[in-house]
Amino acid sequence: MEKRKTIQQMQAEVDQYIGQFKEGYFSPLAMLARMSEELGELAREVNHYHGEKPKKATEEENTIEAELGDMLFVLICFANSLGIDLQNSHDLVMEKFTTRDKDRWTRKEEEMEEEGKDE
């Protein structure tokens, strides 16, 4: 089985790939447009598989996994172009969710405790 990559390894791999071209990374605005384009493609696939609009017989087969991969690539390009460490971004957002939203949702353990009290 192939060893899983860390987000830092993915960022380095994308940076090495983009670095071989004279054009380099796109501008932030162009990157945002690409991200929007990829999000639309992801939405289309989700709608085909989980929504009310099945694919036409003539449409090319694609997967949600492939579209998420495209989104991840563009997100990594965007972060790299702005010098953003995605591991740090992840840590910051998780800290936000675990503090600000710590009591927002019903934890599974709490739900089971509540069910046990009713018996």
PDB file of N, CA and C in Angstrom:
ATOM      1  N   MET A   1       0.841  -1.187   0.000  1.00  0.00           N
ATOM      2  CA  MET A   1       0.000   0.000   0.000  1.00  0.00           C
ATOM      3  C   MET A   1       0.885   1.249   0.000  1.00  0.00           C
ATOM      4  N   GLU A   2       0.484   2.222  -0.756  1.00  0.00           N
ATOM      5  CA  GLU A   2       1.244   3.465  -0.859  1.00  0.00           C
ATOM      6  C   GLU A   2       1.119   4.275   0.430  1.00  0.00           C
ATOM      7  N   LYS A   3       2.242   4.838   0.882  1.00  0.00           N
ATOM      8  CA  LYS A   3       2.238   5.641   2.102  1.00  0.00           C
ATOM      9  C   LYS A   3       1.455   6.930   1.866  1.00  0.00           C
ATOM     10  N   ARG A   4       0.641   7.303   2.837  1.00  0.00           N
ATOM     11  CA  ARG A   4      -0.149   8.530   2.754  1.00  0.00           C
ATOM     12  C   ARG A   4       0.764   9.748   2.843  1.00  0.00           C
ATOM     13  N   LYS A   5       0.409  10.787   2.098  1.00  0.00           N
ATOM     14  CA  LYS A   5       1.194  12.022   2.099  1.00  0.00           C
ATOM     15  C   LYS A   5       0.623  12.985   3.128  1.00  0.00           C
ATOM     16  N   THR A   6       1.498  13.758   3.731  1.00  0.00           N
ATOM     17  CA  THR A   6       1.045  14.838   4.599  1.00  0.00           C
ATOM     18  C   THR A   6       0.644  16.012   3.710  1.00  0.00           C
ATOM     19  N   ILE A   7      -0.051  16.963   4.284  1.00  0.00           N
ATOM     20  CA  ILE A   7      -0.434  18.145   3.502  1.00  0.00           C
ATOM     21  C   ILE A   7       0.815  18.918   3.082  1.00  0.00           C
ATOM     22  N   GLN A   8       1.850  18.928   3.931  1.00  0.00           N
ATOM     23  CA  GLN A   8       3.098  19.602   3.553  1.00  0.00           C
ATOM     24  C   GLN A   8       3.739  18.919   2.352  1.00  0.00           C
ATOM     25  N   GLN A   9       3.698  17.594   2.328  1.00  0.00           N
ATOM     26  CA  GLN A   9       4.243  16.864   1.180  1.00  0.00           C
ATOM     27  C   GLN A   9       3.446  17.162  -0.089  1.00  0.00           C
ATOM     28  N   MET A  10       2.134  17.239   0.054  1.00  0.00           N
ATOM     29  CA  MET A  10       1.304  17.569  -1.109  1.00  0.00           C
ATOM     30  C   MET A  10       1.619  18.974  -1.614  1.00  0.00           C
ATOM     31  N   GLN A  11       1.770  19.919  -0.689  1.00  0.00           N
ATOM     32  CA  GLN A  11       2.098  21.285  -1.095  1.00  0.00           C
ATOM     33  C   GLN A  11       3.449  21.328  -1.792  1.00  0.00           C
ATOM     34  N   ALA A  12       4.420  20.587  -1.273  1.00  0.00           N
ATOM     35  CA  ALA A  12       5.751  20.552  -1.895  1.00  0.00           C
ATOM     36  C   ALA A  12       5.687  19.895  -3.274  1.00  0.00           C
ATOM     37  N   GLU A  13       4.910  18.829  -3.404  1.00  0.00           N
ATOM     38  CA  GLU A  13       4.778  18.130  -4.684  1.00  0.00           C
ATOM     39  C   GLU A  13       4.151  19.033  -5.748  1.00  0.00           C
ATOM     40  N   VAL A  14       3.103  19.756  -5.370  1.00  0.00           N
ATOM     41  CA  VAL A  14       2.460  20.682  -6.308  1.00  0.00           C
ATOM     42  C   VAL A  14       3.412  21.815  -6.657  1.00  0.00           C
ATOM     43  N   ASP A  15       4.135  22.325  -5.658  1.00  0.00           N
ATOM     44  CA  ASP A  15       5.077  23.416  -5.906  1.00  0.00           C
ATOM     45  C   ASP A  15       6.174  22.981  -6.871  1.00  0.00           C
ATOM     46  N   GLN A  16       6.661  21.763  -6.706  1.00  0.00           N
ATOM     47  CA  GLN A  16       7.688  21.242  -7.613  1.00  0.00           C
ATOM     48  C   GLN A  16       7.117  21.106  -9.030  1.00  0.00           C
ATOM     49  N   TYR A  17       5.890  20.623  -9.136  1.00  0.00           N
ATOM     50  CA  TYR A  17       5.255  20.472 -10.447  1.00  0.00           C
ATOM     51  C   TYR A  17       5.082  21.833 -11.127  1.00  0.00           C
ATOM     52  N   ILE A  18       4.502  22.800 -10.419  1.00  0.00           N
ATOM     53  CA  ILE A  18       4.248  24.130 -10.991  1.00  0.00           C
ATOM     54  C   ILE A  18       5.566  24.840 -11.287  1.00  0.00           C
ATOM     55  N   GLY A  19       6.578  24.615 -10.453  1.00  0.00           N
ATOM     56  CA  GLY A  19       7.869  25.275 -10.602  1.00  0.00           C
ATOM     57  C   GLY A  19       8.610  24.951 -11.886  1.00  0.00           C
ATOM     58  N   GLN A  20       8.213  23.907 -12.576  1.00  0.00           N
ATOM     59  CA  GLN A  20       8.900  23.546 -13.818  1.00  0.00           C
ATOM     60  C   GLN A  20       8.402  24.349 -15.019  1.00  0.00           C
ATOM     61  N   PHE A  21       7.390  25.184 -14.810  1.00  0.00           N
ATOM     62  CA  PHE A  21       6.827  25.966 -15.910  1.00  0.00           C
ATOM     63  C   PHE A  21       7.119  27.452 -15.727  1.00  0.00           C
ATOM     64  N   LYS A  22       7.449  28.141 -16.817  1.00  0.00           N
ATOM     65  CA  LYS A  22       7.748  29.575 -16.770  1.00  0.00           C
ATOM     66  C   LYS A  22       6.577  30.377 -16.218  1.00  0.00           C
ATOM     67  N   GLU A  23       5.365  29.950 -16.548  1.00  0.00           N
ATOM     68  CA  GLU A  23       4.178  30.708 -16.126  1.00  0.00           C
ATOM     69  C   GLU A  23       3.977  30.696 -14.619  1.00  0.00           C
ATOM     70  N   GLY A  24       4.397  29.638 -13.961  1.00  0.00           N
ATOM     71  CA  GLY A  24       4.240  29.542 -12.511  1.00  0.00           C
ATOM     72  C   GLY A  24       2.779  29.529 -12.093  1.00  0.00           C
ATOM     73  N   TYR A  25       2.533  29.989 -10.883  1.00  0.00           N
ATOM     74  CA  TYR A  25       1.161  30.024 -10.365  1.00  0.00           C
ATOM     75  C   TYR A  25       0.376  31.149 -11.024  1.00  0.00           C
ATOM     76  N   PHE A  26      -0.930  30.940 -11.145  1.00  0.00           N
ATOM     77  CA  PHE A  26      -1.814  31.993 -11.642  1.00  0.00           C
ATOM     78  C   PHE A  26      -1.963  33.056 -10.554  1.00  0.00           C
ATOM     79  N   SER A  27      -2.496  34.206 -10.922  1.00  0.00           N
ATOM     80  CA  SER A  27      -2.755  35.271  -9.951  1.00  0.00           C
ATOM     81  C   SER A  27      -3.861  34.813  -8.993  1.00  0.00           C
ATOM     82  N   PRO A  28      -3.944  35.425  -7.810  1.00  0.00           N
ATOM     83  CA  PRO A  28      -4.998  35.039  -6.867  1.00  0.00           C
ATOM     84  C   PRO A  28      -6.408  35.132  -7.468  1.00  0.00           C
ATOM     85  N   LEU A  29      -6.674  36.153  -8.249  1.00  0.00           N
ATOM     86  CA  LEU A  29      -8.001  36.292  -8.846  1.00  0.00           C
ATOM     87  C   LEU A  29      -8.270  35.179  -9.858  1.00  0.00           C
ATOM     88  N   ALA A  30      -7.279  34.848 -10.671  1.00  0.00           N
ATOM     89  CA  ALA A  30      -7.432  33.746 -11.628  1.00  0.00           C
ATOM     90  C   ALA A  30      -7.578  32.420 -10.890  1.00  0.00           C
ATOM     91  N   MET A  31      -6.858  32.270  -9.783  1.00  0.00           N
ATOM     92  CA  MET A  31      -6.949  31.051  -8.984  1.00  0.00           C
ATOM     93  C   MET A  31      -8.349  30.905  -8.395  1.00  0.00           C
ATOM     94  N   LEU A  32      -8.909  32.012  -7.956  1.00  0.00           N
ATOM     95  CA  LEU A  32     -10.266  31.997  -7.417  1.00  0.00           C
ATOM     96  C   LEU A  32     -11.275  31.613  -8.497  1.00  0.00           C
ATOM     97  N   ALA A  33     -11.061  32.103  -9.700  1.00  0.00           N
ATOM     98  CA  ALA A  33     -11.934  31.738 -10.823  1.00  0.00           C
ATOM     99  C   ALA A  33     -11.820  30.243 -11.113  1.00  0.00           C
ATOM    100  N   ARG A  34     -10.601  29.710 -11.064  1.00  0.00           N
ATOM    101  CA  ARG A  34     -10.409  28.264 -11.281  1.00  0.00           C
ATOM    102  C   ARG A  34     -11.091  27.455 -10.198  1.00  0.00           C
ATOM    103  N   MET A  35     -10.997  27.937  -8.967  1.00  0.00           N
ATOM    104  CA  MET A  35     -11.634  27.233  -7.861  1.00  0.00           C
ATOM    105  C   MET A  35     -13.152  27.223  -8.035  1.00  0.00           C
ATOM    106  N   SER A  36     -13.690  28.342  -8.471  1.00  0.00           N
ATOM    107  CA  SER A  36     -15.126  28.441  -8.725  1.00  0.00           C
ATOM    108  C   SER A  36     -15.547  27.483  -9.841  1.00  0.00           C
ATOM    109  N   GLU A  37     -14.739  27.402 -10.875  1.00  0.00           N
ATOM    110  CA  GLU A  37     -14.995  26.485 -11.992  1.00  0.00           C
ATOM    111  C   GLU A  37     -15.000  25.035 -11.505  1.00  0.00           C
ATOM    112  N   GLU A  38     -14.012  24.675 -10.713  1.00  0.00           N
ATOM    113  CA  GLU A  38     -13.931  23.303 -10.193  1.00  0.00           C
ATOM    114  C   GLU A  38     -15.079  23.002  -9.238  1.00  0.00           C
ATOM    115  N   LEU A  39     -15.490  23.994  -8.455  1.00  0.00           N
ATOM    116  CA  LEU A  39     -16.623  23.807  -7.552  1.00  0.00           C
ATOM    117  C   LEU A  39     -17.899  23.530  -8.341  1.00  0.00           C
ATOM    118  N   GLY A  40     -18.065  24.222  -9.461  1.00  0.00           N
ATOM    119  CA  GLY A  40     -19.212  23.967 -10.325  1.00  0.00           C
ATOM    120  C   GLY A  40     -19.203  22.549 -10.870  1.00  0.00           C
ATOM    121  N   GLU A  41     -18.027  22.062 -11.246  1.00  0.00           N
ATOM    122  CA  GLU A  41     -17.912  20.692 -11.750  1.00  0.00           C
ATOM    123  C   GLU A  41     -18.213  19.683 -10.645  1.00  0.00           C
ATOM    124  N   LEU A  42     -17.768  19.974  -9.427  1.00  0.00           N
ATOM    125  CA  LEU A  42     -18.074  19.109  -8.291  1.00  0.00           C
ATOM    126  C   LEU A  42     -19.580  19.102  -8.029  1.00  0.00           C
ATOM    127  N   ALA A  43     -20.190  20.276  -8.054  1.00  0.00           N
ATOM    128  CA  ALA A  43     -21.637  20.378  -7.827  1.00  0.00           C
ATOM    129  C   ALA A  43     -22.408  19.566  -8.863  1.00  0.00           C
ATOM    130  N   ARG A  44     -21.958  19.620 -10.087  1.00  0.00           N
ATOM    131  CA  ARG A  44     -22.612  18.857 -11.158  1.00  0.00           C
ATOM    132  C   ARG A  44     -22.552  17.355 -10.872  1.00  0.00           C
ATOM    133  N   GLU A  45     -21.386  16.865 -10.449  1.00  0.00           N
ATOM    134  CA  GLU A  45     -21.246  15.440 -10.140  1.00  0.00           C
ATOM    135  C   GLU A  45     -22.101  15.042  -8.943  1.00  0.00           C
ATOM    136  N   VAL A  46     -22.113  15.867  -7.908  1.00  0.00           N
ATOM    137  CA  VAL A  46     -22.941  15.570  -6.735  1.00  0.00           C
ATOM    138  C   VAL A  46     -24.408  15.511  -7.152  1.00  0.00           C
ATOM    139  N   ASN A  47     -24.829  16.434  -7.996  1.00  0.00           N
ATOM    140  CA  ASN A  47     -26.211  16.444  -8.474  1.00  0.00           C
ATOM    141  C   ASN A  47     -26.521  15.189  -9.281  1.00  0.00           C
ATOM    142  N   HIS A  48     -25.570  14.723 -10.076  1.00  0.00           N
ATOM    143  CA  HIS A  48     -25.788  13.509 -10.867  1.00  0.00           C
ATOM    144  C   HIS A  48     -25.927  12.273  -9.977  1.00  0.00           C
ATOM    145  N   TYR A  49     -25.113  12.173  -8.954  1.00  0.00           N
ATOM    146  CA  TYR A  49     -25.107  10.975  -8.120  1.00  0.00           C
ATOM    147  C   TYR A  49     -26.093  11.030  -6.957  1.00  0.00           C
ATOM    148  N   HIS A  50     -26.380  12.227  -6.449  1.00  0.00           N
ATOM    149  CA  HIS A  50     -27.221  12.340  -5.255  1.00  0.00           C
ATOM    150  C   HIS A  50     -28.420  13.258  -5.445  1.00  0.00           C
ATOM    151  N   GLY A  51     -28.555  13.840  -6.599  1.00  0.00           N
ATOM    152  CA  GLY A  51     -29.642  14.780  -6.829  1.00  0.00           C
ATOM    153  C   GLY A  51     -30.687  14.227  -7.779  1.00  0.00           C
ATOM    154  N   GLU A  52     -31.440  15.130  -8.330  1.00  0.00           N
ATOM    155  CA  GLU A  52     -32.556  14.762  -9.192  1.00  0.00           C
ATOM    156  C   GLU A  52     -32.207  14.772 -10.670  1.00  0.00           C
ATOM    157  N   LYS A  53     -30.962  15.032 -10.995  1.00  0.00           N
ATOM    158  CA  LYS A  53     -30.585  15.173 -12.398  1.00  0.00           C
ATOM    159  C   LYS A  53     -29.560  14.114 -12.789  1.00  0.00           C
ATOM    160  N   PRO A  54     -30.012  12.954 -13.266  1.00  0.00           N
ATOM    161  CA  PRO A  54     -29.051  11.926 -13.679  1.00  0.00           C
ATOM    162  C   PRO A  54     -28.285  12.347 -14.921  1.00  0.00           C
ATOM    163  N   LYS A  55     -27.149  11.711 -15.111  1.00  0.00           N
ATOM    164  CA  LYS A  55     -26.331  11.991 -16.300  1.00  0.00           C
ATOM    165  C   LYS A  55     -27.064  11.569 -17.560  1.00  0.00           C
ATOM    166  N   LYS A  56     -26.769  12.278 -18.631  1.00  0.00           N
ATOM    167  CA  LYS A  56     -27.239  11.854 -19.951  1.00  0.00           C
ATOM    168  C   LYS A  56     -26.380  10.671 -20.374  1.00  0.00           C
ATOM    169  N   ALA A  57     -26.922   9.831 -21.212  1.00  0.00           N
ATOM    170  CA  ALA A  57     -26.177   8.659 -21.687  1.00  0.00           C
ATOM    171  C   ALA A  57     -24.915   9.068 -22.432  1.00  0.00           C
ATOM    172  N   THR A  58     -24.920  10.256 -23.020  1.00  0.00           N
ATOM    173  CA  THR A  58     -23.776  10.724 -23.808  1.00  0.00           C
ATOM    174  C   THR A  58     -22.712  11.420 -22.962  1.00  0.00           C
ATOM    175  N   GLU A  59     -23.009  11.694 -21.678  1.00  0.00           N
ATOM    176  CA  GLU A  59     -22.058  12.412 -20.833  1.00  0.00           C
ATOM    177  C   GLU A  59     -20.921  11.507 -20.374  1.00  0.00           C
ATOM    178  N   GLU A  60     -19.741  12.095 -20.327  1.00  0.00           N
ATOM    179  CA  GLU A  60     -18.542  11.379 -19.885  1.00  0.00           C
ATOM    180  C   GLU A  60     -18.674  10.997 -18.415  1.00  0.00           C
ATOM    181  N   GLU A  61     -18.228   9.793 -18.103  1.00  0.00           N
ATOM    182  CA  GLU A  61     -18.266   9.321 -16.721  1.00  0.00           C
ATOM    183  C   GLU A  61     -17.196  10.061 -15.913  1.00  0.00           C
ATOM    184  N   ASN A  62     -17.576  10.568 -14.783  1.00  0.00           N
ATOM    185  CA  ASN A  62     -16.656  11.255 -13.892  1.00  0.00           C
ATOM    186  C   ASN A  62     -17.077  10.906 -12.476  1.00  0.00           C
ATOM    187  N   THR A  63     -16.261  11.236 -11.513  1.00  0.00           N
ATOM    188  CA  THR A  63     -16.604  10.886 -10.141  1.00  0.00           C
ATOM    189  C   THR A  63     -16.448  12.082  -9.219  1.00  0.00           C
ATOM    190  N   ILE A  64     -17.137  12.012  -8.114  1.00  0.00           N
ATOM    191  CA  ILE A  64     -17.000  13.035  -7.081  1.00  0.00           C
ATOM    192  C   ILE A  64     -15.560  13.040  -6.573  1.00  0.00           C
ATOM    193  N   GLU A  65     -14.981  11.860  -6.440  1.00  0.00           N
ATOM    194  CA  GLU A  65     -13.589  11.756  -5.979  1.00  0.00           C
ATOM    195  C   GLU A  65     -12.642  12.527  -6.901  1.00  0.00           C
ATOM    196  N   ALA A  66     -12.821  12.375  -8.204  1.00  0.00           N
ATOM    197  CA  ALA A  66     -11.959  13.078  -9.167  1.00  0.00           C
ATOM    198  C   ALA A  66     -12.143  14.587  -9.054  1.00  0.00           C
ATOM    199  N   GLU A  67     -13.385  15.023  -8.895  1.00  0.00           N
ATOM    200  CA  GLU A  67     -13.645  16.466  -8.788  1.00  0.00           C
ATOM    201  C   GLU A  67     -13.099  17.028  -7.478  1.00  0.00           C
ATOM    202  N   LEU A  68     -13.190  16.260  -6.398  1.00  0.00           N
ATOM    203  CA  LEU A  68     -12.580  16.702  -5.138  1.00  0.00           C
ATOM    204  C   LEU A  68     -11.069  16.801  -5.285  1.00  0.00           C
ATOM    205  N   GLY A  69     -10.483  15.880  -6.046  1.00  0.00           N
ATOM    206  CA  GLY A  69      -9.042  15.944  -6.321  1.00  0.00           C
ATOM    207  C   GLY A  69      -8.675  17.207  -7.077  1.00  0.00           C
ATOM    208  N   ASP A  70      -9.499  17.572  -8.061  1.00  0.00           N
ATOM    209  CA  ASP A  70      -9.263  18.819  -8.801  1.00  0.00           C
ATOM    210  C   ASP A  70      -9.353  20.025  -7.872  1.00  0.00           C
ATOM    211  N   MET A  71     -10.352  20.010  -6.982  1.00  0.00           N
ATOM    212  CA  MET A  71     -10.509  21.110  -6.023  1.00  0.00           C
ATOM    213  C   MET A  71      -9.291  21.195  -5.104  1.00  0.00           C
ATOM    214  N   LEU A  72      -8.824  20.038  -4.638  1.00  0.00           N
ATOM    215  CA  LEU A  72      -7.666  20.016  -3.744  1.00  0.00           C
ATOM    216  C   LEU A  72      -6.428  20.566  -4.439  1.00  0.00           C
ATOM    217  N   PHE A  73      -6.229  20.191  -5.696  1.00  0.00           N
ATOM    218  CA  PHE A  73      -5.078  20.686  -6.449  1.00  0.00           C
ATOM    219  C   PHE A  73      -5.121  22.212  -6.554  1.00  0.00           C
ATOM    220  N   VAL A  74      -6.273  22.756  -6.908  1.00  0.00           N
ATOM    221  CA  VAL A  74      -6.395  24.213  -7.049  1.00  0.00           C
ATOM    222  C   VAL A  74      -6.227  24.891  -5.693  1.00  0.00           C
ATOM    223  N   LEU A  75      -6.794  24.301  -4.637  1.00  0.00           N
ATOM    224  CA  LEU A  75      -6.641  24.862  -3.298  1.00  0.00           C
ATOM    225  C   LEU A  75      -5.172  24.899  -2.886  1.00  0.00           C
ATOM    226  N   ILE A  76      -4.444  23.827  -3.176  1.00  0.00           N
ATOM    227  CA  ILE A  76      -3.014  23.786  -2.855  1.00  0.00           C
ATOM    228  C   ILE A  76      -2.259  24.823  -3.675  1.00  0.00           C
ATOM    229  N   CYS A  77      -2.585  24.945  -4.955  1.00  0.00           N
ATOM    230  CA  CYS A  77      -1.951  25.983  -5.787  1.00  0.00           C
ATOM    231  C   CYS A  77      -2.210  27.366  -5.207  1.00  0.00           C
ATOM    232  N   PHE A  78      -3.453  27.611  -4.813  1.00  0.00           N
ATOM    233  CA  PHE A  78      -3.844  28.907  -4.248  1.00  0.00           C
ATOM    234  C   PHE A  78      -3.015  29.187  -2.989  1.00  0.00           C
ATOM    235  N   ALA A  79      -2.974  28.220  -2.086  1.00  0.00           N
ATOM    236  CA  ALA A  79      -2.216  28.393  -0.844  1.00  0.00           C
ATOM    237  C   ALA A  79      -0.733  28.606  -1.128  1.00  0.00           C
ATOM    238  N   ASN A  80      -0.174  27.791  -2.001  1.00  0.00           N
ATOM    239  CA  ASN A  80       1.249  27.926  -2.327  1.00  0.00           C
ATOM    240  C   ASN A  80       1.558  29.293  -2.916  1.00  0.00           C
ATOM    241  N   SER A  81       0.700  29.764  -3.798  1.00  0.00           N
ATOM    242  CA  SER A  81       0.956  31.047  -4.461  1.00  0.00           C
ATOM    243  C   SER A  81       0.959  32.207  -3.472  1.00  0.00           C
ATOM    244  N   LEU A  82       0.257  32.031  -2.352  1.00  0.00           N
ATOM    245  CA  LEU A  82       0.187  33.081  -1.335  1.00  0.00           C
ATOM    246  C   LEU A  82       1.080  32.786  -0.128  1.00  0.00           C
ATOM    247  N   GLY A  83       1.855  31.694  -0.208  1.00  0.00           N
ATOM    248  CA  GLY A  83       2.755  31.341   0.894  1.00  0.00           C
ATOM    249  C   GLY A  83       2.027  30.879   2.145  1.00  0.00           C
ATOM    250  N   ILE A  84       0.882  30.241   1.983  1.00  0.00           N
ATOM    251  CA  ILE A  84       0.078  29.790   3.120  1.00  0.00           C
ATOM    252  C   ILE A  84       0.340  28.313   3.380  1.00  0.00           C
ATOM    253  N   ASP A  85       0.636  27.991   4.628  1.00  0.00           N
ATOM    254  CA  ASP A  85       0.835  26.607   5.069  1.00  0.00           C
ATOM    255  C   ASP A  85      -0.540  26.040   5.418  1.00  0.00           C
ATOM    256  N   LEU A  86      -1.011  25.082   4.630  1.00  0.00           N
ATOM    257  CA  LEU A  86      -2.352  24.537   4.838  1.00  0.00           C
ATOM    258  C   LEU A  86      -2.476  23.755   6.140  1.00  0.00           C
ATOM    259  N   GLN A  87      -1.380  23.199   6.648  1.00  0.00           N
ATOM    260  CA  GLN A  87      -1.436  22.534   7.953  1.00  0.00           C
ATOM    261  C   GLN A  87      -1.782  23.557   9.027  1.00  0.00           C
ATOM    262  N   ASN A  88      -1.154  24.718   8.954  1.00  0.00           N
ATOM    263  CA  ASN A  88      -1.447  25.785   9.903  1.00  0.00           C
ATOM    264  C   ASN A  88      -2.890  26.261   9.744  1.00  0.00           C
ATOM    265  N   SER A  89      -3.355  26.400   8.499  1.00  0.00           N
ATOM    266  CA  SER A  89      -4.744  26.807   8.250  1.00  0.00           C
ATOM    267  C   SER A  89      -5.710  25.805   8.874  1.00  0.00           C
ATOM    268  N   HIS A  90      -5.415  24.528   8.699  1.00  0.00           N
ATOM    269  CA  HIS A  90      -6.245  23.469   9.278  1.00  0.00           C
ATOM    270  C   HIS A  90      -6.256  23.566  10.804  1.00  0.00           C
ATOM    271  N   ASP A  91      -5.082  23.736  11.394  1.00  0.00           N
ATOM    272  CA  ASP A  91      -4.993  23.823  12.853  1.00  0.00           C
ATOM    273  C   ASP A  91      -5.781  25.014  13.380  1.00  0.00           C
ATOM    274  N   LEU A  92      -5.702  26.144  12.694  1.00  0.00           N
ATOM    275  CA  LEU A  92      -6.435  27.339  13.117  1.00  0.00           C
ATOM    276  C   LEU A  92      -7.942  27.123  13.069  1.00  0.00           C
ATOM    277  N   VAL A  93      -8.427  26.506  12.002  1.00  0.00           N
ATOM    278  CA  VAL A  93      -9.873  26.307  11.874  1.00  0.00           C
ATOM    279  C   VAL A  93     -10.367  25.262  12.877  1.00  0.00           C
ATOM    280  N   MET A  94      -9.577  24.230  13.137  1.00  0.00           N
ATOM    281  CA  MET A  94      -9.990  23.231  14.123  1.00  0.00           C
ATOM    282  C   MET A  94     -10.025  23.836  15.524  1.00  0.00           C
ATOM    283  N   GLU A  95      -9.080  24.700  15.820  1.00  0.00           N
ATOM    284  CA  GLU A  95      -9.083  25.401  17.108  1.00  0.00           C
ATOM    285  C   GLU A  95     -10.345  26.250  17.230  1.00  0.00           C
ATOM    286  N   LYS A  96     -10.701  26.920  16.153  1.00  0.00           N
ATOM    287  CA  LYS A  96     -11.913  27.748  16.143  1.00  0.00           C
ATOM    288  C   LYS A  96     -13.147  26.890  16.407  1.00  0.00           C
ATOM    289  N   PHE A  97     -13.259  25.772  15.710  1.00  0.00           N
ATOM    290  CA  PHE A  97     -14.440  24.922  15.864  1.00  0.00           C
ATOM    291  C   PHE A  97     -14.506  24.277  17.244  1.00  0.00           C
ATOM    292  N   THR A  98     -13.356  23.875  17.787  1.00  0.00           N
ATOM    293  CA  THR A  98     -13.370  23.203  19.088  1.00  0.00           C
ATOM    294  C   THR A  98     -13.559  24.170  20.249  1.00  0.00           C
ATOM    295  N   THR A  99     -13.403  25.464  20.015  1.00  0.00           N
ATOM    296  CA  THR A  99     -13.655  26.432  21.085  1.00  0.00           C
ATOM    297  C   THR A  99     -14.980  27.154  20.855  1.00  0.00           C
ATOM    298  N   ARG A 100     -15.119  27.828  19.755  1.00  0.00           N
ATOM    299  CA  ARG A 100     -16.325  28.614  19.478  1.00  0.00           C
ATOM    300  C   ARG A 100     -17.573  27.737  19.395  1.00  0.00           C
ATOM    301  N   ASP A 101     -17.454  26.599  18.729  1.00  0.00           N
ATOM    302  CA  ASP A 101     -18.623  25.754  18.474  1.00  0.00           C
ATOM    303  C   ASP A 101     -18.656  24.502  19.349  1.00  0.00           C
ATOM    304  N   LYS A 102     -17.921  24.507  20.468  1.00  0.00           N
ATOM    305  CA  LYS A 102     -17.803  23.276  21.258  1.00  0.00           C
ATOM    306  C   LYS A 102     -19.141  22.780  21.800  1.00  0.00           C
ATOM    307  N   ASP A 103     -20.093  23.667  22.039  1.00  0.00           N
ATOM    308  CA  ASP A 103     -21.399  23.257  22.568  1.00  0.00           C
ATOM    309  C   ASP A 103     -22.523  23.418  21.549  1.00  0.00           C
ATOM    310  N   ARG A 104     -22.165  23.631  20.313  1.00  0.00           N
ATOM    311  CA  ARG A 104     -23.179  23.900  19.284  1.00  0.00           C
ATOM    312  C   ARG A 104     -23.935  22.641  18.863  1.00  0.00           C
ATOM    313  N   TRP A 105     -23.255  21.514  18.828  1.00  0.00           N
ATOM    314  CA  TRP A 105     -23.837  20.277  18.310  1.00  0.00           C
ATOM    315  C   TRP A 105     -23.980  19.253  19.421  1.00  0.00           C
ATOM    316  N   THR A 106     -24.902  18.330  19.259  1.00  0.00           N
ATOM    317  CA  THR A 106     -25.108  17.266  20.240  1.00  0.00           C
ATOM    318  C   THR A 106     -24.080  16.171  20.007  1.00  0.00           C
ATOM    319  N   ARG A 107     -23.261  15.948  21.006  1.00  0.00           N
ATOM    320  CA  ARG A 107     -22.248  14.899  20.899  1.00  0.00           C
ATOM    321  C   ARG A 107     -22.917  13.529  21.012  1.00  0.00           C
ATOM    322  N   LYS A 108     -22.370  12.555  20.329  1.00  0.00           N
ATOM    323  CA  LYS A 108     -22.939  11.206  20.335  1.00  0.00           C
ATOM    324  C   LYS A 108     -23.017  10.647  21.752  1.00  0.00           C
ATOM    325  N   GLU A 109     -21.999  10.893  22.569  1.00  0.00           N
ATOM    326  CA  GLU A 109     -21.997  10.391  23.940  1.00  0.00           C
ATOM    327  C   GLU A 109     -23.153  10.993  24.731  1.00  0.00           C
ATOM    328  N   GLU A 110     -23.410  12.293  24.559  1.00  0.00           N
ATOM    329  CA  GLU A 110     -24.499  12.969  25.262  1.00  0.00           C
ATOM    330  C   GLU A 110     -25.840  12.389  24.855  1.00  0.00           C
ATOM    331  N   GLU A 111     -25.997  12.101  23.580  1.00  0.00           N
ATOM    332  CA  GLU A 111     -27.244  11.548  23.080  1.00  0.00           C
ATOM    333  C   GLU A 111     -27.503  10.176  23.709  1.00  0.00           C
ATOM    334  N   MET A 112     -26.469   9.352  23.811  1.00  0.00           N
ATOM    335  CA  MET A 112     -26.621   8.024  24.408  1.00  0.00           C
ATOM    336  C   MET A 112     -26.929   8.141  25.902  1.00  0.00           C
ATOM    337  N   GLU A 113     -26.307   9.121  26.583  1.00  0.00           N
ATOM    338  CA  GLU A 113     -26.583   9.339  28.004  1.00  0.00           C
ATOM    339  C   GLU A 113     -28.031   9.754  28.205  1.00  0.00           C
ATOM    340  N   GLU A 114     -28.532  10.647  27.337  1.00  0.00           N
ATOM    341  CA  GLU A 114     -29.922  11.101  27.424  1.00  0.00           C
ATOM    342  C   GLU A 114     -30.885   9.941  27.204  1.00  0.00           C
ATOM    343  N   GLU A 115     -30.587   9.079  26.251  1.00  0.00           N
ATOM    344  CA  GLU A 115     -31.439   7.926  25.974  1.00  0.00           C
ATOM    345  C   GLU A 115     -31.450   6.979  27.169  1.00  0.00           C
ATOM    346  N   GLY A 116     -30.319   6.827  27.844  1.00  0.00           N
ATOM    347  CA  GLY A 116     -30.222   5.958  29.017  1.00  0.00           C
ATOM    348  C   GLY A 116     -31.034   6.473  30.184  1.00  0.00           C
ATOM    349  N   LYS A 117     -31.179   7.791  30.314  1.00  0.00           N
ATOM    350  CA  LYS A 117     -31.955   8.398  31.398  1.00  0.00           C
ATOM    351  C   LYS A 117     -33.447   8.165  31.208  1.00  0.00           C
ATOM    352  N   ASP A 118     -33.870   8.054  29.950  1.00  0.00           N
ATOM    353  CA  ASP A 118     -35.292   7.894  29.653  1.00  0.00           C
ATOM    354  C   ASP A 118     -35.803   6.500  29.993  1.00  0.00           C
ATOM    355  N   GLU A 119     -34.915   5.558  30.165  1.00  0.00           N
ATOM    356  CA  GLU A 119     -35.344   4.168  30.389  1.00  0.00           C
ATOM    357  C   GLU A 119     -35.675   3.897  31.821  1.00  0.00           C
TER     358      GLU A 119
END
